[in-house]
Protein backbone atom coordinates (compact mmCIF):
# COMPACT_ATOMS: atom_id res chain seq x y z
CA MET A 1 0.01 0.03 -0.01
CA ARG A 2 2.79 2.50 -0.97
CA VAL A 3 3.04 4.93 -3.91
CA ASN A 4 6.40 6.26 -4.81
CA ASN A 5 6.95 10.03 -4.66
CA ASN A 6 9.42 12.03 -6.60
CA ILE A 7 11.74 12.47 -3.64
CA ALA A 8 14.32 9.68 -3.69
CA GLY A 9 13.27 6.82 -1.31
CA ALA A 10 9.89 8.45 -0.52
CA ASP A 11 6.57 6.80 -0.15
CA TYR A 12 2.95 7.88 0.29
CA TYR A 13 0.65 5.57 2.38
CA PRO A 14 -2.82 5.93 0.80
CA ALA A 15 -5.96 3.96 1.60
CA ASP A 16 -6.84 1.03 -0.75
CA GLN A 17 -10.09 0.80 -2.85
CA ASN A 18 -11.85 -0.62 0.32
CA GLY A 19 -10.77 2.27 2.54
CA ASN A 20 -8.26 0.28 4.43
CA MET A 21 -4.98 2.08 5.40
CA LEU A 22 -1.84 1.47 7.30
CA LEU A 23 -2.20 2.42 11.09
CA THR A 24 0.09 2.23 14.07
CA ALA A 25 -1.02 1.76 17.58
CA LYS A 26 1.66 2.97 20.15
CA THR A 27 1.99 1.39 23.50
CA MET A 28 4.36 0.64 26.36
CA TYR A 29 7.25 -1.94 26.26
CA GLY A 30 5.97 -5.39 27.05
CA LEU A 31 2.36 -4.74 26.20
CA GLU A 32 2.65 -5.35 22.42
CA GLY A 33 1.09 -8.75 22.56
CA VAL A 34 -1.86 -7.67 24.70
CA LEU A 35 -2.52 -4.81 22.30
CA ALA A 36 -2.27 -7.15 19.21
CA LYS A 37 -5.07 -9.33 20.80
CA GLU A 38 -7.21 -6.24 21.32
CA LEU A 39 -6.72 -5.19 17.69
CA GLU A 40 -7.57 -8.75 16.53
CA ALA A 41 -10.78 -8.66 18.56
CA LEU A 42 -11.74 -5.34 16.88
CA GLY A 43 -11.19 -6.80 13.41
CA ALA A 44 -7.91 -5.29 12.44
CA LYS A 45 -6.06 -6.84 9.58
CA ASP A 46 -2.30 -7.63 8.88
CA ILE A 47 -1.46 -7.14 12.56
CA MET A 48 2.38 -6.81 13.25
CA PRO A 49 3.73 -6.29 16.70
CA LEU A 50 6.89 -4.10 16.92
CA ASN A 51 8.84 -2.48 19.72
CA ARG A 52 6.36 -0.37 21.71
CA ALA A 53 3.95 -0.37 18.71
CA VAL A 54 1.68 -2.53 16.66
CA LEU A 55 1.12 -2.04 12.98
CA PHE A 56 -2.23 -2.90 11.37
CA HIS A 57 -4.58 -2.21 8.50
CA GLY A 58 -8.17 -0.90 8.92
CA ASP A 59 -10.64 1.69 7.63
CA ASN A 60 -11.85 4.86 9.29
CA ARG A 61 -14.44 2.95 11.36
CA LEU A 62 -11.71 0.76 12.73
CA LEU A 63 -9.63 3.88 13.60
CA TYR A 64 -12.59 5.17 15.46
CA LYS A 65 -13.03 1.93 17.30
CA ALA A 66 -9.35 1.71 18.12
CA ASN A 67 -9.38 5.16 19.80
CA TYR A 68 -12.59 4.44 21.67
CA CYS A 69 -12.07 0.72 22.74
CA LEU A 70 -8.29 -0.06 23.05
CA ARG A 71 -7.13 -0.27 26.57
CA THR A 72 -3.43 -0.73 25.92
CA ALA A 73 -2.84 1.89 23.21
CA LEU A 74 -1.32 5.24 24.00
CA SER A 75 -2.25 6.69 20.54
CA ILE A 76 -3.29 5.67 17.12
CA LEU A 77 -1.17 7.04 14.30
CA LYS A 78 -2.00 7.21 10.54
CA PRO A 79 1.20 7.20 8.50
CA ILE A 80 0.98 9.29 5.41
CA TYR A 81 4.51 9.83 4.10
CA SER A 82 8.03 8.69 4.45
CA PHE A 83 11.39 9.54 2.93
CA GLU A 84 15.10 9.53 3.57
CA ALA A 85 17.06 12.41 4.89
CA LYS A 86 20.75 12.73 5.94
CA ASN A 87 20.60 16.36 7.06
CA GLU A 88 18.31 19.21 8.03
CA GLN A 89 18.04 20.57 4.53
CA GLU A 90 16.87 17.16 3.14
CA LEU A 91 14.49 16.90 6.03
CA TYR A 92 13.02 20.31 5.09
CA ASN A 93 12.93 19.47 1.48
CA GLY A 94 11.19 16.16 2.11
CA VAL A 95 8.44 17.71 4.37
CA LEU A 96 8.01 20.56 1.88
CA ASP A 97 7.27 18.02 -0.86
CA TYR A 98 4.11 16.67 0.71
CA PRO A 99 0.66 18.25 -0.29
CA TRP A 100 -0.27 19.53 3.12
CA GLU A 101 -2.93 21.71 1.55
CA ARG A 102 -5.06 18.52 1.20
CA LEU A 103 -5.11 18.13 4.98
CA LEU A 104 -4.84 21.67 6.38
CA ASN A 105 -6.42 25.19 5.72
CA PRO A 106 -3.86 27.97 5.31
CA ASP A 107 -5.38 29.71 8.36
CA GLY A 108 -5.58 26.49 10.41
CA THR A 109 -3.51 25.34 13.36
CA LEU A 110 -0.88 22.51 13.67
CA PHE A 111 1.47 20.94 16.13
CA ILE A 112 4.36 18.64 15.55
CA THR A 113 5.50 15.93 18.03
CA PRO A 114 9.09 14.73 17.27
CA VAL A 115 10.41 11.24 18.04
CA VAL A 116 14.03 11.05 16.99
CA TYR A 117 16.40 8.03 17.17
CA SER A 118 19.24 9.06 14.91
CA SER A 119 22.93 9.84 15.00
CA LEU A 120 22.24 12.23 12.11
CA PHE A 121 19.81 14.40 14.02
CA ASN A 122 20.55 15.06 17.60
CA HIS A 123 17.93 17.75 18.49
CA SER A 124 14.40 16.63 18.24
CA LEU A 125 12.79 19.99 18.75
CA TYR A 126 14.95 21.47 16.04
CA CYS A 127 13.72 18.78 13.73
CA ALA A 128 10.23 19.60 14.59
CA GLN A 129 11.03 23.33 13.89
CA LYS A 130 12.40 22.47 10.37
CA ALA A 131 9.37 20.35 9.54
CA LYS A 132 7.02 23.23 10.68
CA ASP A 133 8.88 25.68 8.59
CA ALA A 134 8.54 23.56 5.47
CA ILE A 135 4.73 23.16 6.00
CA CYS A 136 4.29 26.78 6.60
CA ASP A 137 6.49 27.90 3.75
CA ARG A 138 4.56 25.62 1.34
CA MET A 139 1.20 27.01 2.44
CA ARG A 140 2.38 30.59 2.37
CA LYS A 141 3.70 30.23 -1.17
CA MET A 142 0.33 28.60 -2.27
CA PHE A 143 -2.03 30.88 -0.36
CA ALA A 144 -0.16 33.91 0.90
CA ASN A 145 -1.16 32.69 4.32
CA ARG A 146 0.30 30.08 6.78
CA PRO A 147 -0.98 27.92 9.70
CA THR A 148 -0.46 28.79 13.29
CA VAL A 149 1.35 26.40 15.75
CA VAL A 150 -0.74 25.66 18.83
CA ARG A 151 -0.09 22.94 21.38
CA GLU A 152 -3.75 22.52 22.59
CA GLU A 153 -6.18 20.73 20.20
CA PRO A 154 -4.69 21.74 16.85
CA ASP A 155 -6.48 21.09 13.66
CA LEU A 156 -3.65 18.74 12.66
CA LEU A 157 -1.44 16.94 15.13
CA ILE A 158 1.63 15.49 13.27
CA ASN A 159 3.95 12.83 14.48
CA LEU A 160 7.54 13.26 13.13
CA HIS A 161 9.47 9.99 13.52
CA ILE A 162 13.12 9.82 12.51
CA ALA A 163 15.04 6.56 12.74
CA GLU A 164 18.58 7.22 11.48
CA ASN A 165 17.79 8.46 7.94
CA LYS A 166 14.20 7.27 7.76
CA VAL A 167 11.61 9.98 8.31
CA THR A 168 8.02 9.02 8.70
CA LEU A 169 5.29 11.58 9.08
CA SER A 170 1.96 10.44 10.64
CA LEU A 171 -1.33 12.06 11.66
CA ASP A 172 -1.99 11.51 15.39
CA SER A 173 -5.75 10.61 15.46
CA SER A 174 -5.92 10.59 19.26
CA GLY A 175 -4.60 13.94 20.36
CA GLU A 176 -4.29 13.76 24.10
CA PRO A 177 -2.70 10.35 24.93
CA LEU A 178 -5.28 7.57 25.30
CA ASN A 179 -4.08 6.70 28.85
CA ARG A 180 -5.78 9.94 29.99
CA ARG A 181 -9.10 8.25 30.32
CA GLY A 182 -10.89 11.21 32.00
CA TYR A 183 -11.79 9.65 35.30
CA ARG A 184 -8.78 10.76 37.43
CA VAL A 185 -9.56 13.54 39.91
CA GLN A 186 -6.75 12.82 42.40
CA THR A 187 -3.52 10.90 42.19
CA GLN A 188 -0.86 9.69 44.80
CA GLN A 189 2.92 9.88 44.26
CA ALA A 190 3.94 7.99 41.09
CA PRO A 191 0.50 6.81 40.07
CA ILE A 192 0.45 3.82 37.60
CA ASN A 193 -0.20 4.72 33.97
CA GLU A 194 -3.76 3.65 33.00
CA VAL A 195 -2.44 1.85 29.87
CA MET A 196 0.09 -0.02 32.10
CA ALA A 197 -2.78 -0.93 34.58
CA ALA A 198 -4.89 -2.28 31.70
CA GLY A 199 -1.75 -4.14 30.35
CA LEU A 200 -1.28 -5.75 33.69
CA ILE A 201 -4.76 -7.12 33.68
CA GLY A 202 -4.39 -8.26 30.15
CA LEU A 203 -1.04 -10.04 30.86
CA ALA A 204 -2.69 -11.82 33.86
CA ASP A 205 -5.14 -13.31 31.26
CA TRP A 206 -8.16 -12.64 33.53
CA HIS A 207 -11.35 -14.20 32.14
CA LYS A 208 -13.65 -12.20 34.47
CA ASP A 209 -14.50 -15.39 36.24
CA CYS A 210 -13.42 -14.45 39.83
CA ASN A 211 -12.98 -11.66 42.21
CA PHE A 212 -10.34 -8.87 41.70
CA PHE A 213 -8.37 -7.43 44.64
CA ASP A 214 -5.64 -4.77 44.90
CA PRO A 215 -4.25 -4.67 48.49
CA MET A 216 -2.18 -1.52 47.93
CA CYS A 217 -4.57 0.37 45.66
CA GLY A 218 -3.21 3.93 45.80
CA SER A 219 -5.54 6.22 43.91
CA GLY A 220 -7.47 3.20 42.54
CA THR A 221 -6.24 3.04 38.91
CA LEU A 222 -5.94 -0.77 38.78
CA LEU A 223 -9.37 -1.13 40.40
CA ILE A 224 -11.11 1.20 37.82
CA GLU A 225 -9.35 -0.44 34.99
CA ALA A 226 -10.32 -3.92 36.32
CA ALA A 227 -13.98 -2.70 36.61
CA MET A 228 -14.01 -1.27 33.10
CA TYR A 229 -12.57 -4.44 31.68
CA ALA A 230 -15.03 -6.75 33.69
CA MET A 231 -18.02 -4.64 32.64
CA ASN A 232 -16.95 -3.96 29.01
CA ILE A 233 -16.84 -0.26 29.56
CA PRO A 234 -14.88 1.21 26.59
CA ALA A 235 -11.47 2.74 27.45
CA GLY A 236 -12.67 6.05 26.01
CA TYR A 237 -16.01 6.14 27.78
CA TYR A 238 -15.09 9.16 29.87
CA ARG A 239 -13.22 11.14 27.27
CA HIS A 240 -14.61 13.69 24.95
CA ASN A 241 -11.91 14.96 22.64
CA TYR A 242 -10.10 13.08 19.76
CA ALA A 243 -7.94 14.73 17.09
CA PHE A 244 -9.55 12.84 14.18
CA THR A 245 -12.79 14.82 14.73
CA LYS A 246 -11.02 17.77 13.12
CA TRP A 247 -9.88 15.83 10.13
CA ALA A 248 -11.39 16.62 6.69
CA ASP A 249 -12.66 13.09 6.20
CA TYR A 250 -14.29 12.86 9.73
CA SER A 251 -17.72 11.37 9.69
CA MET A 252 -19.82 12.21 12.76
CA PRO A 253 -22.47 9.59 12.06
CA GLU A 254 -19.85 6.83 11.74
CA TRP A 255 -18.30 8.06 14.96
CA LYS A 256 -21.60 8.07 16.79
CA ASN A 257 -22.40 4.72 15.51
CA VAL A 258 -19.11 3.21 16.88
CA ILE A 259 -19.82 4.79 20.34
CA GLU A 260 -23.35 3.28 20.35
CA TRP A 261 -21.99 -0.03 19.15
CA ALA A 262 -19.39 -0.23 21.99
CA ASP A 263 -21.67 1.05 24.67
CA ARG A 264 -24.28 -1.54 24.01
CA GLN A 265 -21.78 -4.20 25.05
CA ILE A 266 -21.44 -2.81 28.61
CA ALA A 267 -22.65 -5.49 31.07
CA ASP A 268 -22.92 -6.37 34.80
CA PHE A 269 -20.05 -8.25 36.57
CA ASP A 270 -20.94 -11.11 38.88
CA TYR A 271 -17.96 -11.01 41.25
CA GLU A 272 -16.48 -8.48 43.54
CA ILE A 273 -13.70 -5.78 42.83
CA CYS A 274 -12.07 -4.68 46.01
CA GLY A 275 -9.12 -2.53 47.12
CA SER A 276 -7.38 -1.50 50.24
CA ASP A 277 -4.55 0.82 51.32
CA VAL A 278 -2.88 1.82 54.45
CA SER A 279 -2.99 5.53 53.55
CA ASN A 280 -6.02 7.75 54.32
CA SER A 281 -5.16 10.08 51.56
CA ALA A 282 -4.90 7.10 49.04
CA ILE A 283 -8.29 5.84 49.97
CA LEU A 284 -9.79 9.46 49.63
CA SER A 285 -8.11 9.71 46.17
CA ALA A 286 -9.37 6.32 45.15
CA GLN A 287 -12.88 7.21 46.29
CA GLN A 288 -12.92 10.44 44.26
CA ASN A 289 -11.72 8.73 41.13
CA ILE A 290 -14.15 5.85 41.58
CA GLN A 291 -16.96 8.28 42.08
CA LYS A 292 -15.88 10.22 38.92
CA ALA A 293 -16.06 7.03 36.95
CA HIS A 294 -19.50 6.22 38.42
CA LEU A 295 -18.22 2.89 39.73
CA HIS A 296 -18.77 3.63 43.45
CA LYS A 297 -21.46 0.86 43.54
CA ASP A 298 -19.13 -1.61 41.76
CA ILE A 299 -15.87 -1.19 43.74
CA THR A 300 -15.37 -1.65 47.49
CA LEU A 301 -12.54 0.08 49.35
CA GLU A 302 -11.11 -0.45 52.81
CA ARG A 303 -8.37 1.24 54.80
CA ALA A 304 -5.97 -1.44 55.96
CA ASP A 305 -2.37 -2.32 56.12
CA ILE A 306 -1.54 -5.23 53.76
CA ALA A 307 -0.83 -7.39 56.76
CA GLN A 308 -4.41 -6.92 57.91
CA ALA A 309 -6.19 -6.59 54.60
CA GLN A 310 -8.79 -9.23 53.68
CA LYS A 311 -9.36 -10.34 50.14
CA PRO A 312 -12.92 -11.24 48.94
CA GLN A 313 -14.19 -14.79 49.71
CA GLY A 314 -13.48 -17.35 47.00
CA ASN A 315 -11.11 -17.41 44.11
CA THR A 316 -9.51 -14.07 43.54
CA LEU A 317 -7.04 -12.38 41.05
CA ILE A 318 -4.66 -10.11 42.91
CA ILE A 319 -2.66 -7.39 41.16
CA THR A 320 -0.81 -4.78 42.94
CA ASN A 321 1.81 -2.05 42.35
CA PRO A 322 3.60 -1.53 45.67
CA PRO A 323 6.22 1.17 46.28
CA TYR A 324 9.46 0.47 44.48
CA GLY A 325 11.65 2.08 47.16
CA GLU A 326 12.85 5.34 45.57
CA ARG A 327 11.73 7.24 48.74
CA LEU A 328 12.34 4.50 51.25
CA GLU A 329 15.37 3.23 53.10
CA GLU A 330 16.55 -0.18 51.89
CA GLU A 331 15.65 -1.79 55.20
CA ASP A 332 12.13 -0.47 55.14
CA ILE A 333 11.49 -1.47 51.59
CA ASN A 334 12.82 -4.99 52.14
CA LEU A 335 10.57 -5.32 55.22
CA LEU A 336 7.55 -4.16 53.18
CA TYR A 337 8.05 -6.77 50.64
CA GLU A 338 8.65 -9.47 53.23
CA THR A 339 5.22 -8.35 54.73
CA ILE A 340 3.64 -8.56 51.25
CA GLY A 341 4.93 -12.21 50.98
CA THR A 342 3.62 -13.12 54.40
CA ALA A 343 0.25 -11.67 53.67
CA PHE A 344 0.10 -13.51 50.31
CA LYS A 345 1.00 -16.79 52.01
CA ASN A 346 -1.28 -16.54 55.10
CA ASN A 347 -4.28 -14.36 54.07
CA PHE A 348 -4.79 -14.44 50.30
CA ALA A 349 -5.05 -18.11 49.29
CA PRO A 350 -6.55 -19.39 47.17
CA SER A 351 -5.74 -16.83 44.50
CA GLN A 352 -3.32 -15.85 41.67
CA ALA A 353 -1.26 -12.86 42.71
CA TRP A 354 0.83 -10.51 40.52
CA ILE A 355 3.23 -7.77 41.56
CA ILE A 356 5.01 -5.22 39.39
CA SER A 357 8.17 -3.59 40.78
CA SER A 358 11.41 -2.18 39.55
CA ASN A 359 13.14 -3.28 42.86
CA LEU A 360 14.65 -6.66 42.06
CA GLU A 361 16.43 -6.96 45.35
CA ALA A 362 13.20 -6.22 47.30
CA PHE A 363 11.50 -8.96 45.29
CA LYS A 364 13.76 -11.56 46.91
CA HIS A 365 12.18 -10.74 50.35
CA ILE A 366 8.71 -11.88 49.28
CA GLY A 367 9.98 -15.32 50.01
CA LEU A 368 7.71 -17.05 47.48
CA LYS A 369 8.62 -18.71 44.16
CA THR A 370 7.33 -17.17 41.00
CA SER A 371 5.39 -19.05 38.39
CA ARG A 372 6.06 -16.42 35.74
CA LYS A 373 8.17 -13.37 35.26
CA ILE A 374 7.64 -10.60 32.56
CA THR A 375 9.82 -7.60 31.84
CA LEU A 376 8.02 -4.37 31.52
CA TYR A 377 8.83 -0.61 31.53
CA ASN A 378 6.80 1.50 33.85
CA SER A 379 7.64 4.98 32.64
CA ASN A 380 11.51 4.83 32.33
CA LEU A 381 11.89 2.13 35.04
CA GLU A 382 12.64 -1.42 34.02
CA CYS A 383 10.29 -3.62 35.96
CA ARG A 384 9.45 -7.36 36.67
CA TYR A 385 5.93 -8.42 36.65
CA CYS A 386 5.81 -11.61 38.66
CA ARG A 387 3.06 -14.14 39.29
CA TYR A 388 2.55 -16.20 42.47
CA ASP A 389 0.12 -19.06 42.57
CA LEU A 390 -1.26 -19.14 46.11
CA TYR A 391 -2.79 -22.48 47.27
CA GLN A 392 -4.98 -23.03 50.25
CA GLY A 393 -2.96 -24.53 53.14
CA ALA A 394 0.54 -23.72 51.71
CA SER A 395 2.82 -22.77 54.42
CA ASN A 396 5.99 -21.86 52.67
CA GLY A 397 7.61 -21.15 49.39
CA SER A 398 8.27 -24.97 48.83
CA ASP A 399 4.70 -25.46 47.54
CA TYR A 400 5.23 -22.97 44.69
CA THR A 401 6.52 -23.74 41.20
CA HIS A 402 9.21 -21.75 39.58
CA SER A 403 9.70 -20.46 35.99
CA ASP A 404 11.70 -17.67 34.46
CA GLN A 405 9.46 -17.19 31.50
């Protein structure tokens, strides 16, 4: 689905006769497989997981569905043009060559987000500036007027990606990153990203057939994402703004149809979703966020130290994101993880428990063997996401299987 341009090594990425086009869903490291499964469920074609992204093909309806429904995508990009450039002049010339007048009015607004991994270009903001100059110069020459650069809700949000000498220009259809669901009122220190929280639930392969519990819930992100997943509430249910609504080919009827289609699938959940935290302020934050999401009747909160916390009766999936130790003494963080392990062993069986943390030393103090380990990046921190299978009556780590998967 490429058409050669008159710039050496350049390609356009048009839609085919059925309206299908190349699209890119960006995500966090380690969540590519979960995102690929989500896209498959939505009907995407030619799905190809990459590093922190998944390529796929689909039409405008699928682009709308991806923005509204995907839980583990940060943004949905529509590549439109690529070329090779070895210096700033070639970058300028390549961007200048694209017919931007098809996408943007001369008195419109734009913003360029640069992502640069190149030994040839070492200043991403300068690359964005050169690209902006090229677009504005082309429009000024054609219309004696030029677009204005604005950061908030521009008419056209452009992603400029440079990998060595390969320049790819894409339209960002999402605008504000998709992890900003719209339900957060309050947060605690270092809150987990909503996309990461959804990814942790996806990696745990939860079939919505048991309770969900987070014994160190902070501001409640994991609980809210679990409730949204369990009840089929679309990821974009609380959002209102998407960049694609300003595109020339935007179809309001199609977009409304996608929203109605997705919202019809919202359903009740037959098990419990519960959370606890030792901090009063964390519980207050969680309550406010849960209230904003209108899930206060579906999520139960309790103020309790993890040593005293009680999981719901019956089989339960436990996922938690404890402190990693950046603000705690080593002795304190090791004791905390030892307490987590004791609580798992004595209070939380039977259940499957998962912990994400970047503190590999503290993990050792949990004292239980893992049945699975997954490497993830939470923000810029390399983390392990570890699973513990907790059996009724187990008294020590010898009852647990071990795998380094």
